[in-house]
């Protein structure tokens, strides 16, 4: 018999990636965990020379990955 562990949402963490949600959408930060400055989603934004420009948004106080 297998047991499935449950974790309260406030304790969820994605190791290695920031993953903070953009306030007005579903995008999440794709920078490394613990980065400084603005959050950034690299796989969005307009296409320039075959590369996405990305989307950035400011850091908010008290942010958590599960927000």
C-alpha atoms as a PDB file:
ATOM      1  CA  UNK A   1       0.000   0.000   0.000  1.00  0.00           C
ATOM      2  CA  UNK A   2       1.399   3.387  -0.907  1.00  0.00           C
ATOM      3  CA  UNK A   3       1.002   6.461   1.210  1.00  0.00           C
ATOM      4  CA  UNK A   4       0.655   9.844  -0.386  1.00  0.00           C
ATOM      5  CA  UNK A   5       2.175  12.763   1.463  1.00  0.00           C
ATOM      6  CA  UNK A   6       0.171  15.972   1.576  1.00  0.00           C
ATOM      7  CA  UNK A   7       1.758  19.362   2.065  1.00  0.00           C
ATOM      8  CA  UNK A   8      -0.013  22.557   3.005  1.00  0.00           C
ATOM      9  CA  UNK A   9       0.188  25.091   0.154  1.00  0.00           C
ATOM     10  CA  UNK A  10       2.053  27.602   2.306  1.00  0.00           C
ATOM     11  CA  UNK A  11       4.972  25.134   2.514  1.00  0.00           C
ATOM     12  CA  UNK A  12       5.315  24.397  -1.191  1.00  0.00           C
ATOM     13  CA  UNK A  13       8.682  25.252  -2.687  1.00  0.00           C
ATOM     14  CA  UNK A  14      10.156  24.674  -6.129  1.00  0.00           C
ATOM     15  CA  UNK A  15      13.890  24.154  -5.607  1.00  0.00           C
ATOM     16  CA  UNK A  16      16.192  26.050  -7.922  1.00  0.00           C
ATOM     17  CA  UNK A  17      13.630  28.416  -9.486  1.00  0.00           C
ATOM     18  CA  UNK A  18      11.909  31.538  -8.133  1.00  0.00           C
ATOM     19  CA  UNK A  19       8.432  30.712  -9.562  1.00  0.00           C
ATOM     20  CA  UNK A  20       6.674  33.801  -8.078  1.00  0.00           C
ATOM     21  CA  UNK A  21       3.418  34.513  -9.957  1.00  0.00           C
ATOM     22  CA  UNK A  22       2.943  37.809 -11.819  1.00  0.00           C
ATOM     23  CA  UNK A  23       0.185  39.721  -9.951  1.00  0.00           C
ATOM     24  CA  UNK A  24      -2.164  40.179 -12.926  1.00  0.00           C
ATOM     25  CA  UNK A  25      -1.728  36.852 -14.701  1.00  0.00           C
ATOM     26  CA  UNK A  26      -0.570  33.266 -14.681  1.00  0.00           C
ATOM     27  CA  UNK A  27       3.080  33.826 -15.661  1.00  0.00           C
ATOM     28  CA  UNK A  28       5.709  32.871 -13.106  1.00  0.00           C
ATOM     29  CA  UNK A  29       9.290  34.042 -12.643  1.00  0.00           C
ATOM     30  CA  UNK A  30      11.807  31.773 -14.372  1.00  0.00           C
ATOM     31  CA  UNK A  31      14.932  33.188 -12.658  1.00  0.00           C
ATOM     32  CA  UNK A  32      16.913  31.179 -10.116  1.00  0.00           C
ATOM     33  CA  UNK A  33      15.657  31.028  -6.534  1.00  0.00           C
ATOM     34  CA  UNK A  34      16.874  33.878  -4.332  1.00  0.00           C
ATOM     35  CA  UNK A  35      17.618  36.288  -7.213  1.00  0.00           C
ATOM     36  CA  UNK A  36      17.684  40.023  -6.583  1.00  0.00           C
ATOM     37  CA  UNK A  37      15.725  42.755  -8.344  1.00  0.00           C
ATOM     38  CA  UNK A  38      12.713  42.340 -10.614  1.00  0.00           C
ATOM     39  CA  UNK A  39      11.046  39.058 -11.489  1.00  0.00           C
ATOM     40  CA  UNK A  40      11.275  37.856 -15.097  1.00  0.00           C
ATOM     41  CA  UNK A  41       9.518  35.347 -17.331  1.00  0.00           C
ATOM     42  CA  UNK A  42      11.913  34.596 -20.203  1.00  0.00           C
ATOM     43  CA  UNK A  43       9.489  32.693 -22.453  1.00  0.00           C
ATOM     44  CA  UNK A  44       7.084  35.571 -23.161  1.00  0.00           C
ATOM     45  CA  UNK A  45       7.171  39.009 -24.721  1.00  0.00           C
ATOM     46  CA  UNK A  46       7.778  40.020 -28.300  1.00  0.00           C
ATOM     47  CA  UNK A  47      10.147  38.191 -30.622  1.00  0.00           C
ATOM     48  CA  UNK A  48      13.362  40.045 -31.556  1.00  0.00           C
ATOM     49  CA  UNK A  49      15.954  38.393 -33.789  1.00  0.00           C
ATOM     50  CA  UNK A  50      14.481  34.990 -32.965  1.00  0.00           C
ATOM     51  CA  UNK A  51      14.636  35.523 -29.188  1.00  0.00           C
ATOM     52  CA  UNK A  52      11.773  36.390 -26.803  1.00  0.00           C
ATOM     53  CA  UNK A  53      12.316  39.660 -24.914  1.00  0.00           C
ATOM     54  CA  UNK A  54      10.664  38.348 -21.755  1.00  0.00           C
ATOM     55  CA  UNK A  55       8.327  40.033 -19.291  1.00  0.00           C
ATOM     56  CA  UNK A  56       9.377  41.676 -16.021  1.00  0.00           C
ATOM     57  CA  UNK A  57       7.494  42.862 -12.931  1.00  0.00           C
ATOM     58  CA  UNK A  58       8.583  44.380  -9.599  1.00  0.00           C
ATOM     59  CA  UNK A  59       9.204  42.449  -6.431  1.00  0.00           C
ATOM     60  CA  UNK A  60       6.425  42.766  -3.799  1.00  0.00           C
ATOM     61  CA  UNK A  61       6.926  42.507  -0.032  1.00  0.00           C
ATOM     62  CA  UNK A  62       6.094  39.125   1.525  1.00  0.00           C
ATOM     63  CA  UNK A  63       5.940  37.115  -1.705  1.00  0.00           C
ATOM     64  CA  UNK A  64       5.846  33.323  -1.586  1.00  0.00           C
ATOM     65  CA  UNK A  65       5.999  30.747  -4.393  1.00  0.00           C
ATOM     66  CA  UNK A  66       2.539  29.408  -3.636  1.00  0.00           C
ATOM     67  CA  UNK A  67       0.854  32.824  -3.974  1.00  0.00           C
END
